[in-house]
Amino acid sequence: MKNTSFESIVVSWLMQDGWQVFIPILDHGHQTDLLISDGPNYYRIQVKTVDACGDNHVVQNRWEGSNIDVVIFFARNSNWGVIAPAFAEPERPLNHSEHRKFNQTKKEFLREFHQL
C-alpha cells in the first residue's frame, strides 16, 4: 500500500501545480504509473519505492523498452526522494548527476521536478 500512497502523493502535488494527471486503468507492460500533460505535451511517469539508506544506492532499469520519460524514486524509510529522467543503462546510482534529489515536501518536489 505504501507504493500506492507515494503515487497518490505525486498525483496531488502535480495537480496542485496545474498539471493534468491521468492514471492508467491497465498498465499491461507499458510501465506507466501516471500520464501527465501541460496541454500540448504528455509525459509518462513511473513511481518507484526503494529501500535505500543513502543516495548512493544503485537502482535497476525496470522500464527498458517502454516510453517512460521520468522515474520518481521514494526512499521507503526516509523523507527524501529522487526524480530521474528515464535512463537506458541497466543500473544507475540515485546520486547520478542527472538526478534531482528532494525532501518529501510538495515545494521541494516541484522545485526539482521543474529542473528536469
PDB file of N, CA and C in Angstrom:
ATOM      1  N   MET A   1       0.807  -1.204   0.000  1.00  0.00           N
ATOM      2  CA  MET A   1       0.000   0.000   0.000  1.00  0.00           C
ATOM      3  C   MET A   1       0.849   1.265   0.000  1.00  0.00           C
ATOM      4  N   LYS A   2       2.066   1.187   0.552  1.00  0.00           N
ATOM      5  CA  LYS A   2       2.889   2.387   0.605  1.00  0.00           C
ATOM      6  C   LYS A   2       3.235   2.881  -0.803  1.00  0.00           C
ATOM      7  N   ASN A   3       3.464   1.959  -1.755  1.00  0.00           N
ATOM      8  CA  ASN A   3       3.743   2.369  -3.128  1.00  0.00           C
ATOM      9  C   ASN A   3       2.573   3.166  -3.688  1.00  0.00           C
ATOM     10  N   THR A   4       1.359   2.701  -3.425  1.00  0.00           N
ATOM     11  CA  THR A   4       0.171   3.402  -3.903  1.00  0.00           C
ATOM     12  C   THR A   4       0.070   4.777  -3.274  1.00  0.00           C
ATOM     13  N   SER A   5       0.426   4.900  -1.997  1.00  0.00           N
ATOM     14  CA  SER A   5       0.334   6.206  -1.353  1.00  0.00           C
ATOM     15  C   SER A   5       1.353   7.176  -1.943  1.00  0.00           C
ATOM     16  N   PHE A   6       2.539   6.709  -2.339  1.00  0.00           N
ATOM     17  CA  PHE A   6       3.503   7.600  -2.987  1.00  0.00           C
ATOM     18  C   PHE A   6       2.969   8.064  -4.338  1.00  0.00           C
ATOM     19  N   GLU A   7       2.337   7.186  -5.074  1.00  0.00           N
ATOM     20  CA  GLU A   7       1.722   7.593  -6.342  1.00  0.00           C
ATOM     21  C   GLU A   7       0.656   8.654  -6.089  1.00  0.00           C
ATOM     22  N   SER A   8      -0.149   8.469  -5.060  1.00  0.00           N
ATOM     23  CA  SER A   8      -1.195   9.442  -4.725  1.00  0.00           C
ATOM     24  C   SER A   8      -0.604  10.788  -4.331  1.00  0.00           C
ATOM     25  N   ILE A   9       0.501  10.757  -3.612  1.00  0.00           N
ATOM     26  CA  ILE A   9       1.175  11.997  -3.228  1.00  0.00           C
ATOM     27  C   ILE A   9       1.645  12.743  -4.474  1.00  0.00           C
ATOM     28  N   VAL A  10       2.273  12.030  -5.408  1.00  0.00           N
ATOM     29  CA  VAL A  10       2.748  12.653  -6.646  1.00  0.00           C
ATOM     30  C   VAL A  10       1.574  13.218  -7.437  1.00  0.00           C
ATOM     31  N   VAL A  11       0.478  12.471  -7.530  1.00  0.00           N
ATOM     32  CA  VAL A  11      -0.724  12.954  -8.216  1.00  0.00           C
ATOM     33  C   VAL A  11      -1.176  14.276  -7.597  1.00  0.00           C
ATOM     34  N   SER A  12      -1.262  14.314  -6.294  1.00  0.00           N
ATOM     35  CA  SER A  12      -1.724  15.508  -5.592  1.00  0.00           C
ATOM     36  C   SER A  12      -0.806  16.699  -5.852  1.00  0.00           C
ATOM     37  N   TRP A  13       0.486  16.492  -5.698  1.00  0.00           N
ATOM     38  CA  TRP A  13       1.445  17.589  -5.907  1.00  0.00           C
ATOM     39  C   TRP A  13       1.381  18.121  -7.331  1.00  0.00           C
ATOM     40  N   LEU A  14       1.328  17.224  -8.327  1.00  0.00           N
ATOM     41  CA  LEU A  14       1.302  17.660  -9.715  1.00  0.00           C
ATOM     42  C   LEU A  14      -0.008  18.373 -10.061  1.00  0.00           C
ATOM     43  N   MET A  15      -1.132  17.878  -9.560  1.00  0.00           N
ATOM     44  CA  MET A  15      -2.413  18.540  -9.813  1.00  0.00           C
ATOM     45  C   MET A  15      -2.433  19.932  -9.194  1.00  0.00           C
ATOM     46  N   GLN A  16      -1.881  20.062  -7.994  1.00  0.00           N
ATOM     47  CA  GLN A  16      -1.829  21.374  -7.348  1.00  0.00           C
ATOM     48  C   GLN A  16      -0.920  22.334  -8.113  1.00  0.00           C
ATOM     49  N   ASP A  17      -0.018  21.791  -8.929  1.00  0.00           N
ATOM     50  CA  ASP A  17       0.883  22.602  -9.742  1.00  0.00           C
ATOM     51  C   ASP A  17       0.287  22.913 -11.116  1.00  0.00           C
ATOM     52  N   GLY A  18      -0.920  22.434 -11.387  1.00  0.00           N
ATOM     53  CA  GLY A  18      -1.594  22.755 -12.638  1.00  0.00           C
ATOM     54  C   GLY A  18      -1.491  21.707 -13.730  1.00  0.00           C
ATOM     55  N   TRP A  19      -0.864  20.578 -13.449  1.00  0.00           N
ATOM     56  CA  TRP A  19      -0.758  19.516 -14.447  1.00  0.00           C
ATOM     57  C   TRP A  19      -2.068  18.751 -14.546  1.00  0.00           C
ATOM     58  N   GLN A  20      -2.397  18.265 -15.747  1.00  0.00           N
ATOM     59  CA  GLN A  20      -3.463  17.280 -15.896  1.00  0.00           C
ATOM     60  C   GLN A  20      -2.815  15.938 -15.585  1.00  0.00           C
ATOM     61  N   VAL A  21      -3.466  15.138 -14.756  1.00  0.00           N
ATOM     62  CA  VAL A  21      -2.884  13.856 -14.356  1.00  0.00           C
ATOM     63  C   VAL A  21      -3.870  12.747 -14.698  1.00  0.00           C
ATOM     64  N   PHE A  22      -3.350  11.714 -15.364  1.00  0.00           N
ATOM     65  CA  PHE A  22      -4.154  10.568 -15.756  1.00  0.00           C
ATOM     66  C   PHE A  22      -3.528   9.319 -15.156  1.00  0.00           C
ATOM     67  N   ILE A  23      -4.370   8.417 -14.669  1.00  0.00           N
ATOM     68  CA  ILE A  23      -3.898   7.161 -14.095  1.00  0.00           C
ATOM     69  C   ILE A  23      -4.398   6.030 -14.987  1.00  0.00           C
ATOM     70  N   PRO A  24      -3.481   5.271 -15.583  1.00  0.00           N
ATOM     71  CA  PRO A  24      -3.917   4.167 -16.452  1.00  0.00           C
ATOM     72  C   PRO A  24      -4.744   3.131 -15.681  1.00  0.00           C
ATOM     73  N   ILE A  25      -5.795   2.674 -16.295  1.00  0.00           N
ATOM     74  CA  ILE A  25      -6.616   1.632 -15.683  1.00  0.00           C
ATOM     75  C   ILE A  25      -5.900   0.293 -15.749  1.00  0.00           C
ATOM     76  N   LEU A  26      -5.206   0.059 -16.855  1.00  0.00           N
ATOM     77  CA  LEU A  26      -4.457  -1.175 -17.048  1.00  0.00           C
ATOM     78  C   LEU A  26      -3.067  -0.826 -17.540  1.00  0.00           C
ATOM     79  N   ASP A  27      -2.041  -1.317 -16.851  1.00  0.00           N
ATOM     80  CA  ASP A  27      -0.656  -0.987 -17.187  1.00  0.00           C
ATOM     81  C   ASP A  27      -0.072  -1.964 -18.203  1.00  0.00           C
ATOM     82  N   HIS A  28      -0.606  -3.020 -18.480  1.00  0.00           N
ATOM     83  CA  HIS A  28      -0.240  -4.080 -19.417  1.00  0.00           C
ATOM     84  C   HIS A  28       1.114  -3.897 -20.126  1.00  0.00           C
ATOM     85  N   GLY A  29       2.182  -3.849 -19.351  1.00  0.00           N
ATOM     86  CA  GLY A  29       3.523  -3.811 -19.904  1.00  0.00           C
ATOM     87  C   GLY A  29       4.047  -2.450 -20.320  1.00  0.00           C
ATOM     88  N   HIS A  30       3.280  -1.389 -20.113  1.00  0.00           N
ATOM     89  CA  HIS A  30       3.734  -0.064 -20.530  1.00  0.00           C
ATOM     90  C   HIS A  30       4.563   0.642 -19.463  1.00  0.00           C
ATOM     91  N   GLN A  31       4.610   0.088 -18.263  1.00  0.00           N
ATOM     92  CA  GLN A  31       5.415   0.644 -17.171  1.00  0.00           C
ATOM     93  C   GLN A  31       5.027   2.072 -16.815  1.00  0.00           C
ATOM     94  N   THR A  32       3.796   2.461 -17.037  1.00  0.00           N
ATOM     95  CA  THR A  32       3.355   3.826 -16.774  1.00  0.00           C
ATOM     96  C   THR A  32       2.437   3.850 -15.561  1.00  0.00           C
ATOM     97  N   ASP A  33       2.883   4.541 -14.506  1.00  0.00           N
ATOM     98  CA  ASP A  33       2.030   4.721 -13.329  1.00  0.00           C
ATOM     99  C   ASP A  33       1.143   5.947 -13.502  1.00  0.00           C
ATOM    100  N   LEU A  34       1.718   7.007 -14.093  1.00  0.00           N
ATOM    101  CA  LEU A  34       0.981   8.253 -14.294  1.00  0.00           C
ATOM    102  C   LEU A  34       1.292   8.804 -15.679  1.00  0.00           C
ATOM    103  N   LEU A  35       0.311   9.439 -16.261  1.00  0.00           N
ATOM    104  CA  LEU A  35       0.489  10.169 -17.501  1.00  0.00           C
ATOM    105  C   LEU A  35       0.097  11.603 -17.184  1.00  0.00           C
ATOM    106  N   ILE A  36       1.001  12.547 -17.453  1.00  0.00           N
ATOM    107  CA  ILE A  36       0.691  13.937 -17.133  1.00  0.00           C
ATOM    108  C   ILE A  36       0.773  14.776 -18.398  1.00  0.00           C
ATOM    109  N   SER A  37       0.055  15.899 -18.358  1.00  0.00           N
ATOM    110  CA  SER A  37       0.044  16.794 -19.506  1.00  0.00           C
ATOM    111  C   SER A  37      -0.012  18.236 -19.035  1.00  0.00           C
ATOM    112  N   ASP A  38       0.707  19.089 -19.776  1.00  0.00           N
ATOM    113  CA  ASP A  38       0.626  20.533 -19.549  1.00  0.00           C
ATOM    114  C   ASP A  38      -0.243  21.181 -20.628  1.00  0.00           C
ATOM    115  N   GLY A  39      -0.943  20.373 -21.398  1.00  0.00           N
ATOM    116  CA  GLY A  39      -1.777  20.840 -22.508  1.00  0.00           C
ATOM    117  C   GLY A  39      -1.307  20.178 -23.790  1.00  0.00           C
ATOM    118  N   PRO A  40      -0.283  20.739 -24.434  1.00  0.00           N
ATOM    119  CA  PRO A  40       0.181  20.147 -25.692  1.00  0.00           C
ATOM    120  C   PRO A  40       1.128  18.956 -25.517  1.00  0.00           C
ATOM    121  N   ASN A  41       1.745  18.811 -24.363  1.00  0.00           N
ATOM    122  CA  ASN A  41       2.751  17.758 -24.151  1.00  0.00           C
ATOM    123  C   ASN A  41       2.287  16.739 -23.119  1.00  0.00           C
ATOM    124  N   TYR A  42       2.668  15.475 -23.343  1.00  0.00           N
ATOM    125  CA  TYR A  42       2.358  14.393 -22.415  1.00  0.00           C
ATOM    126  C   TYR A  42       3.654  13.725 -21.971  1.00  0.00           C
ATOM    127  N   TYR A  43       3.693  13.307 -20.705  1.00  0.00           N
ATOM    128  CA  TYR A  43       4.875  12.656 -20.149  1.00  0.00           C
ATOM    129  C   TYR A  43       4.437  11.436 -19.353  1.00  0.00           C
ATOM    130  N   ARG A  44       5.177  10.337 -19.528  1.00  0.00           N
ATOM    131  CA  ARG A  44       4.911   9.104 -18.779  1.00  0.00           C
ATOM    132  C   ARG A  44       5.822   9.054 -17.560  1.00  0.00           C
ATOM    133  N   ILE A  45       5.216   8.735 -16.429  1.00  0.00           N
ATOM    134  CA  ILE A  45       5.956   8.704 -15.168  1.00  0.00           C
ATOM    135  C   ILE A  45       5.828   7.337 -14.516  1.00  0.00           C
ATOM    136  N   GLN A  46       6.925   6.852 -14.012  1.00  0.00           N
ATOM    137  CA  GLN A  46       6.977   5.628 -13.210  1.00  0.00           C
ATOM    138  C   GLN A  46       7.358   6.054 -11.785  1.00  0.00           C
ATOM    139  N   VAL A  47       6.625   5.563 -10.786  1.00  0.00           N
ATOM    140  CA  VAL A  47       6.912   5.860  -9.384  1.00  0.00           C
ATOM    141  C   VAL A  47       7.425   4.584  -8.735  1.00  0.00           C
ATOM    142  N   LYS A  48       8.609   4.670  -8.140  1.00  0.00           N
ATOM    143  CA  LYS A  48       9.236   3.507  -7.507  1.00  0.00           C
ATOM    144  C   LYS A  48       9.541   3.810  -6.042  1.00  0.00           C
ATOM    145  N   THR A  49       9.477   2.778  -5.230  1.00  0.00           N
ATOM    146  CA  THR A  49       9.876   2.866  -3.830  1.00  0.00           C
ATOM    147  C   THR A  49      11.129   2.022  -3.661  1.00  0.00           C
ATOM    148  N   VAL A  50      12.129   2.582  -2.981  1.00  0.00           N
ATOM    149  CA  VAL A  50      13.384   1.863  -2.782  1.00  0.00           C
ATOM    150  C   VAL A  50      13.727   1.795  -1.300  1.00  0.00           C
ATOM    151  N   ASP A  51      14.394   0.722  -0.920  1.00  0.00           N
ATOM    152  CA  ASP A  51      14.922   0.583   0.440  1.00  0.00           C
ATOM    153  C   ASP A  51      16.353   1.089   0.432  1.00  0.00           C
ATOM    154  N   ALA A  52      16.514   2.387   0.428  1.00  0.00           N
ATOM    155  CA  ALA A  52      17.841   2.996   0.339  1.00  0.00           C
ATOM    156  C   ALA A  52      18.141   3.756   1.620  1.00  0.00           C
ATOM    157  N   CYS A  53      19.328   3.558   2.146  1.00  0.00           N
ATOM    158  CA  CYS A  53      19.724   4.309   3.334  1.00  0.00           C
ATOM    159  C   CYS A  53      20.587   5.512   2.948  1.00  0.00           C
ATOM    160  N   GLY A  54      20.932   5.623   1.679  1.00  0.00           N
ATOM    161  CA  GLY A  54      21.708   6.760   1.201  1.00  0.00           C
ATOM    162  C   GLY A  54      21.481   6.950  -0.276  1.00  0.00           C
ATOM    163  N   ASP A  55      21.852   8.127  -0.765  1.00  0.00           N
ATOM    164  CA  ASP A  55      21.572   8.402  -2.169  1.00  0.00           C
ATOM    165  C   ASP A  55      22.603   7.806  -3.127  1.00  0.00           C
ATOM    166  N   ASN A  56      23.553   7.027  -2.603  1.00  0.00           N
ATOM    167  CA  ASN A  56      24.471   6.301  -3.486  1.00  0.00           C
ATOM    168  C   ASN A  56      23.929   4.908  -3.825  1.00  0.00           C
ATOM    169  N   HIS A  57      22.723   4.614  -3.368  1.00  0.00           N
ATOM    170  CA  HIS A  57      22.032   3.353  -3.654  1.00  0.00           C
ATOM    171  C   HIS A  57      21.888   3.190  -5.173  1.00  0.00           C
ATOM    172  N   VAL A  58      22.134   1.998  -5.679  1.00  0.00           N
ATOM    173  CA  VAL A  58      22.037   1.725  -7.113  1.00  0.00           C
ATOM    174  C   VAL A  58      20.657   1.155  -7.424  1.00  0.00           C
ATOM    175  N   VAL A  59      20.008   1.729  -8.435  1.00  0.00           N
ATOM    176  CA  VAL A  59      18.681   1.265  -8.860  1.00  0.00           C
ATOM    177  C   VAL A  59      18.780   0.604 -10.226  1.00  0.00           C
ATOM    178  N   GLN A  60      17.899  -0.341 -10.443  1.00  0.00           N
ATOM    179  CA  GLN A  60      17.859  -1.110 -11.689  1.00  0.00           C
ATOM    180  C   GLN A  60      16.903  -0.465 -12.680  1.00  0.00           C
ATOM    181  N   ASN A  61      17.230  -0.532 -13.948  1.00  0.00           N
ATOM    182  CA  ASN A  61      16.349  -0.073 -15.007  1.00  0.00           C
ATOM    183  C   ASN A  61      15.306  -1.166 -15.238  1.00  0.00           C
ATOM    184  N   ARG A  62      14.066  -0.907 -14.826  1.00  0.00           N
ATOM    185  CA  ARG A  62      12.981  -1.870 -14.979  1.00  0.00           C
ATOM    186  C   ARG A  62      11.956  -1.405 -16.013  1.00  0.00           C
ATOM    187  N   TRP A  63      12.316  -0.424 -16.815  1.00  0.00           N
ATOM    188  CA  TRP A  63      11.395   0.117 -17.804  1.00  0.00           C
ATOM    189  C   TRP A  63      11.971   0.062 -19.217  1.00  0.00           C
ATOM    190  N   GLU A  64      13.010  -0.731 -19.415  1.00  0.00           N
ATOM    191  CA  GLU A  64      13.625  -0.845 -20.726  1.00  0.00           C
ATOM    192  C   GLU A  64      12.586  -1.241 -21.773  1.00  0.00           C
ATOM    193  N   GLY A  65      12.629  -0.573 -22.910  1.00  0.00           N
ATOM    194  CA  GLY A  65      11.692  -0.865 -23.978  1.00  0.00           C
ATOM    195  C   GLY A  65      10.359  -0.155 -23.851  1.00  0.00           C
ATOM    196  N   SER A  66      10.165   0.604 -22.793  1.00  0.00           N
ATOM    197  CA  SER A  66       8.929   1.368 -22.636  1.00  0.00           C
ATOM    198  C   SER A  66       9.215   2.824 -23.008  1.00  0.00           C
ATOM    199  N   ASN A  67       8.214   3.634 -22.978  1.00  0.00           N
ATOM    200  CA  ASN A  67       8.368   5.041 -23.340  1.00  0.00           C
ATOM    201  C   ASN A  67       8.338   5.960 -22.128  1.00  0.00           C
ATOM    202  N   ILE A  68       8.836   5.484 -21.004  1.00  0.00           N
ATOM    203  CA  ILE A  68       8.848   6.280 -19.776  1.00  0.00           C
ATOM    204  C   ILE A  68       9.740   7.501 -19.967  1.00  0.00           C
ATOM    205  N   ASP A  69       9.284   8.646 -19.462  1.00  0.00           N
ATOM    206  CA  ASP A  69      10.066   9.883 -19.520  1.00  0.00           C
ATOM    207  C   ASP A  69      10.771  10.174 -18.205  1.00  0.00           C
ATOM    208  N   VAL A  70      10.081   9.909 -17.092  1.00  0.00           N
ATOM    209  CA  VAL A  70      10.590  10.270 -15.769  1.00  0.00           C
ATOM    210  C   VAL A  70      10.323   9.133 -14.792  1.00  0.00           C
ATOM    211  N   VAL A  71      11.300   8.886 -13.910  1.00  0.00           N
ATOM    212  CA  VAL A  71      11.120   7.927 -12.826  1.00  0.00           C
ATOM    213  C   VAL A  71      11.301   8.692 -11.517  1.00  0.00           C
ATOM    214  N   ILE A  72      10.345   8.523 -10.625  1.00  0.00           N
ATOM    215  CA  ILE A  72      10.420   9.172  -9.314  1.00  0.00           C
ATOM    216  C   ILE A  72      10.627   8.080  -8.277  1.00  0.00           C
ATOM    217  N   PHE A  73      11.754   8.150  -7.581  1.00  0.00           N
ATOM    218  CA  PHE A  73      12.093   7.183  -6.545  1.00  0.00           C
ATOM    219  C   PHE A  73      11.821   7.803  -5.174  1.00  0.00           C
ATOM    220  N   PHE A  74      11.140   7.052  -4.305  1.00  0.00           N
ATOM    221  CA  PHE A  74      10.928   7.463  -2.925  1.00  0.00           C
ATOM    222  C   PHE A  74      11.673   6.494  -2.015  1.00  0.00           C
ATOM    223  N   ALA A  75      12.446   7.023  -1.085  1.00  0.00           N
ATOM    224  CA  ALA A  75      13.106   6.194  -0.086  1.00  0.00           C
ATOM    225  C   ALA A  75      12.046   5.773   0.924  1.00  0.00           C
ATOM    226  N   ARG A  76      11.830   4.470   1.031  1.00  0.00           N
ATOM    227  CA  ARG A  76      10.736   3.930   1.842  1.00  0.00           C
ATOM    228  C   ARG A  76      10.831   4.324   3.317  1.00  0.00           C
ATOM    229  N   ASN A  77      12.013   4.271   3.883  1.00  0.00           N
ATOM    230  CA  ASN A  77      12.165   4.501   5.323  1.00  0.00           C
ATOM    231  C   ASN A  77      12.867   5.817   5.634  1.00  0.00           C
ATOM    232  N   SER A  78      12.668   6.801   4.771  1.00  0.00           N
ATOM    233  CA  SER A  78      13.294   8.101   4.986  1.00  0.00           C
ATOM    234  C   SER A  78      12.367   9.179   4.462  1.00  0.00           C
ATOM    235  N   ASN A  79      12.850  10.406   4.412  1.00  0.00           N
ATOM    236  CA  ASN A  79      11.991  11.510   3.980  1.00  0.00           C
ATOM    237  C   ASN A  79      12.516  12.193   2.716  1.00  0.00           C
ATOM    238  N   TRP A  80      13.159  11.448   1.840  1.00  0.00           N
ATOM    239  CA  TRP A  80      13.688  12.020   0.612  1.00  0.00           C
ATOM    240  C   TRP A  80      13.335  11.151  -0.579  1.00  0.00           C
ATOM    241  N   GLY A  81      13.521  11.728  -1.748  1.00  0.00           N
ATOM    242  CA  GLY A  81      13.287  11.013  -2.984  1.00  0.00           C
ATOM    243  C   GLY A  81      14.186  11.574  -4.069  1.00  0.00           C
ATOM    244  N   VAL A  82      14.122  10.974  -5.247  1.00  0.00           N
ATOM    245  CA  VAL A  82      14.939  11.384  -6.383  1.00  0.00           C
ATOM    246  C   VAL A  82      14.070  11.347  -7.634  1.00  0.00           C
ATOM    247  N   ILE A  83      14.179  12.400  -8.439  1.00  0.00           N
ATOM    248  CA  ILE A  83      13.500  12.463  -9.723  1.00  0.00           C
ATOM    249  C   ILE A  83      14.563  12.261 -10.791  1.00  0.00           C
ATOM    250  N   ALA A  84      14.343  11.305 -11.682  1.00  0.00           N
ATOM    251  CA  ALA A  84      15.348  10.980 -12.695  1.00  0.00           C
ATOM    252  C   ALA A  84      14.714  10.899 -14.076  1.00  0.00           C
ATOM    253  N   PRO A  85      15.389  11.453 -15.071  1.00  0.00           N
ATOM    254  CA  PRO A  85      14.936  11.143 -16.427  1.00  0.00           C
ATOM    255  C   PRO A  85      15.162   9.654 -16.653  1.00  0.00           C
ATOM    256  N   ALA A  86      14.284   9.002 -17.375  1.00  0.00           N
ATOM    257  CA  ALA A  86      14.464   7.570 -17.640  1.00  0.00           C
ATOM    258  C   ALA A  86      15.820   7.371 -18.310  1.00  0.00           C
ATOM    259  N   PHE A  87      16.543   6.361 -17.863  1.00  0.00           N
ATOM    260  CA  PHE A  87      17.880   6.116 -18.410  1.00  0.00           C
ATOM    261  C   PHE A  87      17.924   4.760 -19.094  1.00  0.00           C
ATOM    262  N   ALA A  88      18.880   4.607 -20.011  1.00  0.00           N
ATOM    263  CA  ALA A  88      18.956   3.397 -20.819  1.00  0.00           C
ATOM    264  C   ALA A  88      19.867   2.326 -20.230  1.00  0.00           C
ATOM    265  N   GLU A  89      20.859   2.717 -19.426  1.00  0.00           N
ATOM    266  CA  GLU A  89      21.780   1.727 -18.888  1.00  0.00           C
ATOM    267  C   GLU A  89      21.070   0.798 -17.896  1.00  0.00           C
ATOM    268  N   PRO A  90      21.621  -0.395 -17.640  1.00  0.00           N
ATOM    269  CA  PRO A  90      20.947  -1.385 -16.786  1.00  0.00           C
ATOM    270  C   PRO A  90      20.760  -0.949 -15.336  1.00  0.00           C
ATOM    271  N   GLU A  91      21.668  -0.109 -14.825  1.00  0.00           N
ATOM    272  CA  GLU A  91      21.543   0.379 -13.460  1.00  0.00           C
ATOM    273  C   GLU A  91      22.260   1.712 -13.338  1.00  0.00           C
ATOM    274  N   ARG A  92      21.912   2.430 -12.257  1.00  0.00           N
ATOM    275  CA  ARG A  92      22.499   3.741 -12.049  1.00  0.00           C
ATOM    276  C   ARG A  92      22.351   4.105 -10.579  1.00  0.00           C
ATOM    277  N   PRO A  93      23.341   4.801  -9.976  1.00  0.00           N
ATOM    278  CA  PRO A  93      23.184   5.244  -8.588  1.00  0.00           C
ATOM    279  C   PRO A  93      22.167   6.392  -8.517  1.00  0.00           C
ATOM    280  N   LEU A  94      21.460   6.463  -7.410  1.00  0.00           N
ATOM    281  CA  LEU A  94      20.479   7.533  -7.237  1.00  0.00           C
ATOM    282  C   LEU A  94      21.130   8.908  -7.260  1.00  0.00           C
ATOM    283  N   ASN A  95      22.391   8.994  -6.842  1.00  0.00           N
ATOM    284  CA  ASN A  95      23.042  10.303  -6.798  1.00  0.00           C
ATOM    285  C   ASN A  95      23.725  10.676  -8.119  1.00  0.00           C
ATOM    286  N   HIS A  96      23.288  10.089  -9.204  1.00  0.00           N
ATOM    287  CA  HIS A  96      23.806  10.413 -10.538  1.00  0.00           C
ATOM    288  C   HIS A  96      23.594  11.908 -10.818  1.00  0.00           C
ATOM    289  N   SER A  97      24.475  12.503 -11.591  1.00  0.00           N
ATOM    290  CA  SER A  97      24.434  13.949 -11.834  1.00  0.00           C
ATOM    291  C   SER A  97      23.155  14.422 -12.548  1.00  0.00           C
ATOM    292  N   GLU A  98      22.478  13.549 -13.289  1.00  0.00           N
ATOM    293  CA  GLU A  98      21.238  13.942 -13.978  1.00  0.00           C
ATOM    294  C   GLU A  98      20.014  13.861 -13.076  1.00  0.00           C
ATOM    295  N   HIS A  99      20.148  13.295 -11.878  1.00  0.00           N
ATOM    296  CA  HIS A  99      19.017  13.097 -10.982  1.00  0.00           C
ATOM    297  C   HIS A  99      18.845  14.290 -10.052  1.00  0.00           C
ATOM    298  N   ARG A 100      17.617  14.504  -9.610  1.00  0.00           N
ATOM    299  CA  ARG A 100      17.285  15.635  -8.733  1.00  0.00           C
ATOM    300  C   ARG A 100      16.757  15.088  -7.413  1.00  0.00           C
ATOM    301  N   LYS A 101      17.495  15.313  -6.333  1.00  0.00           N
ATOM    302  CA  LYS A 101      17.076  14.846  -5.005  1.00  0.00           C
ATOM    303  C   LYS A 101      16.162  15.894  -4.372  1.00  0.00           C
ATOM    304  N   PHE A 102      15.147  15.416  -3.629  1.00  0.00           N
ATOM    305  CA  PHE A 102      14.217  16.318  -2.945  1.00  0.00           C
ATOM    306  C   PHE A 102      13.838  15.731  -1.593  1.00  0.00           C
ATOM    307  N   ASN A 103      13.538  16.604  -0.638  1.00  0.00           N
ATOM    308  CA  ASN A 103      12.891  16.162   0.588  1.00  0.00           C
ATOM    309  C   ASN A 103      11.419  15.990   0.260  1.00  0.00           C
ATOM    310  N   GLN A 104      10.749  15.091   0.963  1.00  0.00           N
ATOM    311  CA  GLN A 104       9.376  14.738   0.603  1.00  0.00           C
ATOM    312  C   GLN A 104       8.385  15.807   1.036  1.00  0.00           C
ATOM    313  N   THR A 105       8.517  16.966   0.393  1.00  0.00           N
ATOM    314  CA  THR A 105       7.535  18.042   0.553  1.00  0.00           C
ATOM    315  C   THR A 105       7.136  18.493  -0.846  1.00  0.00           C
ATOM    316  N   LYS A 106       5.932  19.031  -0.965  1.00  0.00           N
ATOM    317  CA  LYS A 106       5.449  19.484  -2.265  1.00  0.00           C
ATOM    318  C   LYS A 106       6.360  20.558  -2.842  1.00  0.00           C
ATOM    319  N   LYS A 107       6.752  21.508  -2.032  1.00  0.00           N
ATOM    320  CA  LYS A 107       7.576  22.617  -2.513  1.00  0.00           C
ATOM    321  C   LYS A 107       8.901  22.124  -3.095  1.00  0.00           C
ATOM    322  N   GLU A 108       9.593  21.259  -2.351  1.00  0.00           N
ATOM    323  CA  GLU A 108      10.882  20.755  -2.835  1.00  0.00           C
ATOM    324  C   GLU A 108      10.718  19.839  -4.041  1.00  0.00           C
ATOM    325  N   PHE A 109       9.692  18.997  -4.012  1.00  0.00           N
ATOM    326  CA  PHE A 109       9.445  18.113  -5.147  1.00  0.00           C
ATOM    327  C   PHE A 109       9.235  18.926  -6.425  1.00  0.00           C
ATOM    328  N   LEU A 110       8.333  19.903  -6.370  1.00  0.00           N
ATOM    329  CA  LEU A 110       8.019  20.685  -7.559  1.00  0.00           C
ATOM    330  C   LEU A 110       9.211  21.507  -8.025  1.00  0.00           C
ATOM    331  N   ARG A 111      10.003  22.035  -7.100  1.00  0.00           N
ATOM    332  CA  ARG A 111      11.195  22.782  -7.496  1.00  0.00           C
ATOM    333  C   ARG A 111      12.133  21.909  -8.310  1.00  0.00           C
ATOM    334  N   GLU A 112      12.371  20.677  -7.835  1.00  0.00           N
ATOM    335  CA  GLU A 112      13.275  19.774  -8.541  1.00  0.00           C
ATOM    336  C   GLU A 112      12.651  19.207  -9.815  1.00  0.00           C
ATOM    337  N   PHE A 113      11.341  18.962  -9.787  1.00  0.00           N
ATOM    338  CA  PHE A 113      10.650  18.437 -10.963  1.00  0.00           C
ATOM    339  C   PHE A 113      10.773  19.424 -12.128  1.00  0.00           C
ATOM    340  N   HIS A 114      10.655  20.702 -11.834  1.00  0.00           N
ATOM    341  CA  HIS A 114      10.734  21.723 -12.885  1.00  0.00           C
ATOM    342  C   HIS A 114      12.157  21.914 -13.406  1.00  0.00           C
ATOM    343  N   GLN A 115      13.143  21.358 -12.725  1.00  0.00           N
ATOM    344  CA  GLN A 115      14.525  21.462 -13.187  1.00  0.00           C
ATOM    345  C   GLN A 115      14.858  20.441 -14.273  1.00  0.00           C
ATOM    346  N   LEU A 116      14.007  19.434 -14.443  1.00  0.00           N
ATOM    347  CA  LEU A 116      14.272  18.416 -15.473  1.00  0.00           C
ATOM    348  C   LEU A 116      14.084  18.975 -16.864  1.00  0.00           C
TER     349      LEU A 116
END
